[in-house]
Amino acid sequence: MAFALIACSPEATEQELLDRAQQAMDEGEARAAEIDAKTVLQQNPDSAQARRLVGESYLFQQNPVAAVDEFRRALEAEAGENDEVRVLYARALLGAGEGEQLLELHAQGDFTSVSEHPRYLATLARAQATEGNLQSARDTMGEALAAGSDDPYVTTSHAFFLLAYSNSPDE
């Protein structure tokens, strides 16, 4: 009986699927969000919101390489106008081991719109440190902390930075 009702029920709209995917991400159900967002992409391959949600689900599931591609495609679909996606894209680049590319894109001005965003600054600092520019990384991490000392991503990034690059474990 339940299968008959499911088969007869109307198909969810694109917006309903996107809302459901966002709710699933908010609840930490990345796999469910990915499924709903990919269903949207089957109907509308150019949906920037669905691409962002798939990218977020990949990032949550520790697959930054796949997330990089989805965030890049989301930015292309929106002509690069989404700062939230831009910050997530930077995080995915770093997580995918593409810190050098992040620094190149930063130097080209691709992240100008988020250049003062605390999460972006923390990500940039970690990329700078990874590439061996510790003084710039310290300065950038200081900016991140000044702008978002209560942000869990910033404080976690700072702790990681201190553990990885500080000579004083007590910090």
C-alpha atoms as a PDB file:
ATOM      1  CA  MET A   1       0.000   0.000   0.000  1.00  0.00           C
ATOM      2  CA  ALA A   2       2.776   2.457   0.919  1.00  0.00           C
ATOM      3  CA  PHE A   3       4.567   1.788  -2.368  1.00  0.00           C
ATOM      4  CA  ALA A   4       1.372   2.462  -4.284  1.00  0.00           C
ATOM      5  CA  LEU A   5       0.933   5.799  -2.519  1.00  0.00           C
ATOM      6  CA  ILE A   6       4.538   6.787  -3.238  1.00  0.00           C
ATOM      7  CA  ALA A   7       4.173   5.845  -6.897  1.00  0.00           C
ATOM      8  CA  CYS A   8       0.972   7.892  -7.192  1.00  0.00           C
ATOM      9  CA  SER A   9       2.249  10.942  -5.318  1.00  0.00           C
ATOM     10  CA  PRO A  10       3.241  13.949  -7.400  1.00  0.00           C
ATOM     11  CA  GLU A  11       6.923  14.528  -8.043  1.00  0.00           C
ATOM     12  CA  ALA A  12       8.578  17.136  -5.837  1.00  0.00           C
ATOM     13  CA  THR A  13       9.275  20.469  -7.476  1.00  0.00           C
ATOM     14  CA  GLU A  14      12.791  21.810  -7.894  1.00  0.00           C
ATOM     15  CA  GLN A  15      12.299  24.297  -5.070  1.00  0.00           C
ATOM     16  CA  GLU A  16      10.889  21.620  -2.752  1.00  0.00           C
ATOM     17  CA  LEU A  17      13.915  19.424  -3.435  1.00  0.00           C
ATOM     18  CA  LEU A  18      16.291  22.343  -2.830  1.00  0.00           C
ATOM     19  CA  ASP A  19      14.524  23.236   0.409  1.00  0.00           C
ATOM     20  CA  ARG A  20      14.646  19.627   1.539  1.00  0.00           C
ATOM     21  CA  ALA A  21      18.342  19.388   0.635  1.00  0.00           C
ATOM     22  CA  GLN A  22      19.111  22.569   2.564  1.00  0.00           C
ATOM     23  CA  GLN A  23      17.222  21.285   5.577  1.00  0.00           C
ATOM     24  CA  ALA A  24      19.128  18.003   5.396  1.00  0.00           C
ATOM     25  CA  MET A  25      22.457  19.898   5.307  1.00  0.00           C
ATOM     26  CA  ASP A  26      21.341  22.020   8.266  1.00  0.00           C
ATOM     27  CA  GLU A  27      20.652  18.782  10.163  1.00  0.00           C
ATOM     28  CA  GLY A  28      24.005  17.243   9.201  1.00  0.00           C
ATOM     29  CA  GLU A  29      22.474  14.744   6.781  1.00  0.00           C
ATOM     30  CA  ALA A  30      24.910  15.361   3.938  1.00  0.00           C
ATOM     31  CA  ARG A  31      24.085  12.206   1.983  1.00  0.00           C
ATOM     32  CA  ALA A  32      20.352  13.010   1.923  1.00  0.00           C
ATOM     33  CA  ALA A  33      21.147  16.573   0.824  1.00  0.00           C
ATOM     34  CA  GLU A  34      23.388  15.252  -1.934  1.00  0.00           C
ATOM     35  CA  ILE A  35      20.644  12.952  -3.259  1.00  0.00           C
ATOM     36  CA  ASP A  36      18.008  15.703  -3.396  1.00  0.00           C
ATOM     37  CA  ALA A  37      20.420  18.219  -4.929  1.00  0.00           C
ATOM     38  CA  LYS A  38      21.533  15.707  -7.565  1.00  0.00           C
ATOM     39  CA  THR A  39      17.887  15.053  -8.387  1.00  0.00           C
ATOM     40  CA  VAL A  40      17.535  18.780  -9.081  1.00  0.00           C
ATOM     41  CA  LEU A  41      20.635  18.663 -11.291  1.00  0.00           C
ATOM     42  CA  GLN A  42      19.050  15.898 -13.360  1.00  0.00           C
ATOM     43  CA  GLN A  43      16.204  18.317 -14.104  1.00  0.00           C
ATOM     44  CA  ASN A  44      18.299  21.497 -14.229  1.00  0.00           C
ATOM     45  CA  PRO A  45      22.061  20.961 -14.700  1.00  0.00           C
ATOM     46  CA  ASP A  46      22.678  24.722 -14.406  1.00  0.00           C
ATOM     47  CA  SER A  47      21.173  25.112 -10.934  1.00  0.00           C
ATOM     48  CA  ALA A  48      23.762  27.053  -8.937  1.00  0.00           C
ATOM     49  CA  GLN A  49      21.952  26.345  -5.673  1.00  0.00           C
ATOM     50  CA  ALA A  50      21.962  22.589  -6.311  1.00  0.00           C
ATOM     51  CA  ARG A  51      25.662  22.712  -7.247  1.00  0.00           C
ATOM     52  CA  ARG A  52      26.405  24.589  -4.006  1.00  0.00           C
ATOM     53  CA  LEU A  53      24.494  22.002  -1.962  1.00  0.00           C
ATOM     54  CA  VAL A  54      26.261  19.085  -3.663  1.00  0.00           C
ATOM     55  CA  GLY A  55      29.584  20.829  -3.023  1.00  0.00           C
ATOM     56  CA  GLU A  56      28.692  21.396   0.623  1.00  0.00           C
ATOM     57  CA  SER A  57      27.704  17.763   1.020  1.00  0.00           C
ATOM     58  CA  TYR A  58      31.023  16.671  -0.501  1.00  0.00           C
ATOM     59  CA  LEU A  59      32.919  19.019   1.798  1.00  0.00           C
ATOM     60  CA  PHE A  60      30.993  17.680   4.802  1.00  0.00           C
ATOM     61  CA  GLN A  61      31.776  14.111   3.710  1.00  0.00           C
ATOM     62  CA  GLN A  62      35.508  14.920   3.484  1.00  0.00           C
ATOM     63  CA  ASN A  63      35.653  14.870  -0.318  1.00  0.00           C
ATOM     64  CA  PRO A  64      37.118  18.312  -1.081  1.00  0.00           C
ATOM     65  CA  VAL A  65      38.359  17.350  -4.564  1.00  0.00           C
ATOM     66  CA  ALA A  66      34.787  16.734  -5.743  1.00  0.00           C
ATOM     67  CA  ALA A  67      33.596  19.812  -3.826  1.00  0.00           C
ATOM     68  CA  VAL A  68      36.047  22.046  -5.717  1.00  0.00           C
ATOM     69  CA  ASP A  69      34.436  21.122  -9.024  1.00  0.00           C
ATOM     70  CA  GLU A  70      30.894  21.681  -7.751  1.00  0.00           C
ATOM     71  CA  PHE A  71      31.700  25.077  -6.217  1.00  0.00           C
ATOM     72  CA  ARG A  72      33.496  26.143  -9.410  1.00  0.00           C
ATOM     73  CA  ARG A  73      30.441  25.152 -11.454  1.00  0.00           C
ATOM     74  CA  ALA A  74      28.115  26.961  -9.016  1.00  0.00           C
ATOM     75  CA  LEU A  75      30.173  30.138  -9.378  1.00  0.00           C
ATOM     76  CA  GLU A  76      30.131  29.811 -13.165  1.00  0.00           C
ATOM     77  CA  ALA A  77      26.339  29.416 -13.114  1.00  0.00           C
ATOM     78  CA  GLU A  78      25.992  32.588 -11.026  1.00  0.00           C
ATOM     79  CA  ALA A  79      28.694  34.515 -12.887  1.00  0.00           C
ATOM     80  CA  GLY A  80      30.757  34.436  -9.684  1.00  0.00           C
ATOM     81  CA  GLU A  81      28.312  36.559  -7.690  1.00  0.00           C
ATOM     82  CA  ASN A  82      27.873  34.386  -4.592  1.00  0.00           C
ATOM     83  CA  ASP A  83      30.242  35.227  -1.738  1.00  0.00           C
ATOM     84  CA  GLU A  84      29.119  32.271   0.385  1.00  0.00           C
ATOM     85  CA  VAL A  85      30.055  29.876  -2.412  1.00  0.00           C
ATOM     86  CA  ARG A  86      33.330  31.731  -2.957  1.00  0.00           C
ATOM     87  CA  VAL A  87      34.333  31.131   0.711  1.00  0.00           C
ATOM     88  CA  LEU A  88      33.343  27.457   0.456  1.00  0.00           C
ATOM     89  CA  TYR A  89      35.319  27.183  -2.787  1.00  0.00           C
ATOM     90  CA  ALA A  90      38.433  28.513  -1.032  1.00  0.00           C
ATOM     91  CA  ARG A  91      37.978  25.993   1.794  1.00  0.00           C
ATOM     92  CA  ALA A  92      37.564  23.156  -0.713  1.00  0.00           C
ATOM     93  CA  LEU A  93      40.695  24.220  -2.621  1.00  0.00           C
ATOM     94  CA  LEU A  94      42.719  24.139   0.589  1.00  0.00           C
ATOM     95  CA  GLY A  95      41.223  20.794   1.619  1.00  0.00           C
ATOM     96  CA  ALA A  96      42.004  19.338  -1.797  1.00  0.00           C
ATOM     97  CA  GLY A  97      45.659  20.273  -1.412  1.00  0.00           C
ATOM     98  CA  GLU A  98      45.397  23.115  -3.913  1.00  0.00           C
ATOM     99  CA  GLY A  99      46.674  25.863  -1.609  1.00  0.00           C
ATOM    100  CA  GLU A 100      48.997  27.168  -4.299  1.00  0.00           C
ATOM    101  CA  GLN A 101      46.065  27.577  -6.698  1.00  0.00           C
ATOM    102  CA  LEU A 102      44.098  29.372  -3.965  1.00  0.00           C
ATOM    103  CA  LEU A 103      46.978  31.799  -3.505  1.00  0.00           C
ATOM    104  CA  GLU A 104      47.197  32.354  -7.269  1.00  0.00           C
ATOM    105  CA  LEU A 105      43.466  33.048  -7.518  1.00  0.00           C
ATOM    106  CA  HIS A 106      43.758  35.372  -4.513  1.00  0.00           C
ATOM    107  CA  ALA A 107      46.604  37.273  -6.200  1.00  0.00           C
ATOM    108  CA  GLN A 108      44.496  37.579  -9.373  1.00  0.00           C
ATOM    109  CA  GLY A 109      41.690  39.176  -7.366  1.00  0.00           C
ATOM    110  CA  ASP A 110      39.233  36.287  -7.667  1.00  0.00           C
ATOM    111  CA  PHE A 111      38.414  36.542  -3.955  1.00  0.00           C
ATOM    112  CA  THR A 112      38.260  40.334  -3.606  1.00  0.00           C
ATOM    113  CA  SER A 113      34.586  40.285  -2.614  1.00  0.00           C
ATOM    114  CA  VAL A 114      35.349  38.053   0.391  1.00  0.00           C
ATOM    115  CA  SER A 115      38.794  39.400   1.241  1.00  0.00           C
ATOM    116  CA  GLU A 116      37.621  40.500   4.702  1.00  0.00           C
ATOM    117  CA  HIS A 117      35.442  37.495   5.485  1.00  0.00           C
ATOM    118  CA  PRO A 118      36.840  35.747   8.595  1.00  0.00           C
ATOM    119  CA  ARG A 119      36.468  32.217   7.221  1.00  0.00           C
ATOM    120  CA  TYR A 120      38.161  33.185   3.990  1.00  0.00           C
ATOM    121  CA  LEU A 121      40.995  34.870   5.869  1.00  0.00           C
ATOM    122  CA  ALA A 122      41.504  31.776   8.041  1.00  0.00           C
ATOM    123  CA  THR A 123      41.578  29.586   4.926  1.00  0.00           C
ATOM    124  CA  LEU A 124      43.980  31.950   3.193  1.00  0.00           C
ATOM    125  CA  ALA A 125      46.271  31.963   6.237  1.00  0.00           C
ATOM    126  CA  ARG A 126      46.423  28.174   6.223  1.00  0.00           C
ATOM    127  CA  ALA A 127      47.228  28.194   2.497  1.00  0.00           C
ATOM    128  CA  GLN A 128      49.978  30.757   3.059  1.00  0.00           C
ATOM    129  CA  ALA A 129      51.440  28.627   5.841  1.00  0.00           C
ATOM    130  CA  THR A 130      51.259  25.486   3.734  1.00  0.00           C
ATOM    131  CA  GLU A 131      53.235  27.251   1.017  1.00  0.00           C
ATOM    132  CA  GLY A 132      55.874  28.345   3.537  1.00  0.00           C
ATOM    133  CA  ASN A 133      54.982  32.010   4.012  1.00  0.00           C
ATOM    134  CA  LEU A 134      54.586  31.880   7.783  1.00  0.00           C
ATOM    135  CA  GLN A 135      54.805  35.602   8.476  1.00  0.00           C
ATOM    136  CA  SER A 136      52.018  36.406   6.020  1.00  0.00           C
ATOM    137  CA  ALA A 137      50.049  33.500   7.450  1.00  0.00           C
ATOM    138  CA  ARG A 138      50.415  34.866  10.993  1.00  0.00           C
ATOM    139  CA  ASP A 139      49.294  38.316   9.859  1.00  0.00           C
ATOM    140  CA  THR A 140      46.325  36.940   7.912  1.00  0.00           C
ATOM    141  CA  MET A 141      45.295  34.661  10.784  1.00  0.00           C
ATOM    142  CA  GLY A 142      45.407  37.714  13.067  1.00  0.00           C
ATOM    143  CA  GLU A 143      43.010  39.500  10.698  1.00  0.00           C
ATOM    144  CA  ALA A 144      40.731  36.445  10.684  1.00  0.00           C
ATOM    145  CA  LEU A 145      40.649  36.362  14.478  1.00  0.00           C
ATOM    146  CA  ALA A 146      40.001  40.102  14.693  1.00  0.00           C
ATOM    147  CA  ALA A 147      37.073  39.766  12.288  1.00  0.00           C
ATOM    148  CA  GLY A 148      35.581  36.534  13.630  1.00  0.00           C
ATOM    149  CA  SER A 149      36.996  35.393  16.934  1.00  0.00           C
ATOM    150  CA  ASP A 150      33.696  33.696  17.812  1.00  0.00           C
ATOM    151  CA  ASP A 151      33.465  31.736  14.536  1.00  0.00           C
ATOM    152  CA  PRO A 152      34.145  28.019  15.128  1.00  0.00           C
ATOM    153  CA  TYR A 153      35.867  27.598  11.750  1.00  0.00           C
ATOM    154  CA  VAL A 154      38.206  30.513  12.464  1.00  0.00           C
ATOM    155  CA  THR A 155      39.093  29.333  15.959  1.00  0.00           C
ATOM    156  CA  THR A 156      39.611  25.757  14.781  1.00  0.00           C
ATOM    157  CA  SER A 157      41.805  26.991  11.929  1.00  0.00           C
ATOM    158  CA  HIS A 158      43.773  29.072  14.396  1.00  0.00           C
ATOM    159  CA  ALA A 159      44.274  26.061  16.672  1.00  0.00           C
ATOM    160  CA  PHE A 160      45.377  23.957  13.703  1.00  0.00           C
ATOM    161  CA  PHE A 161      47.750  26.703  12.621  1.00  0.00           C
ATOM    162  CA  LEU A 162      49.276  26.927  16.093  1.00  0.00           C
ATOM    163  CA  LEU A 163      49.705  23.170  16.356  1.00  0.00           C
ATOM    164  CA  ALA A 164      51.255  22.862  12.924  1.00  0.00           C
ATOM    165  CA  TYR A 165      53.410  25.975  12.745  1.00  0.00           C
ATOM    166  CA  SER A 166      54.089  27.287  16.245  1.00  0.00           C
ATOM    167  CA  ASN A 167      57.230  26.473  18.169  1.00  0.00           C
ATOM    168  CA  SER A 168      55.253  26.774  21.368  1.00  0.00           C
ATOM    169  CA  PRO A 169      52.770  23.925  21.918  1.00  0.00           C
ATOM    170  CA  ASP A 170      51.383  25.751  24.956  1.00  0.00           C
ATOM    171  CA  GLU A 171      49.729  28.281  22.664  1.00  0.00           C
END
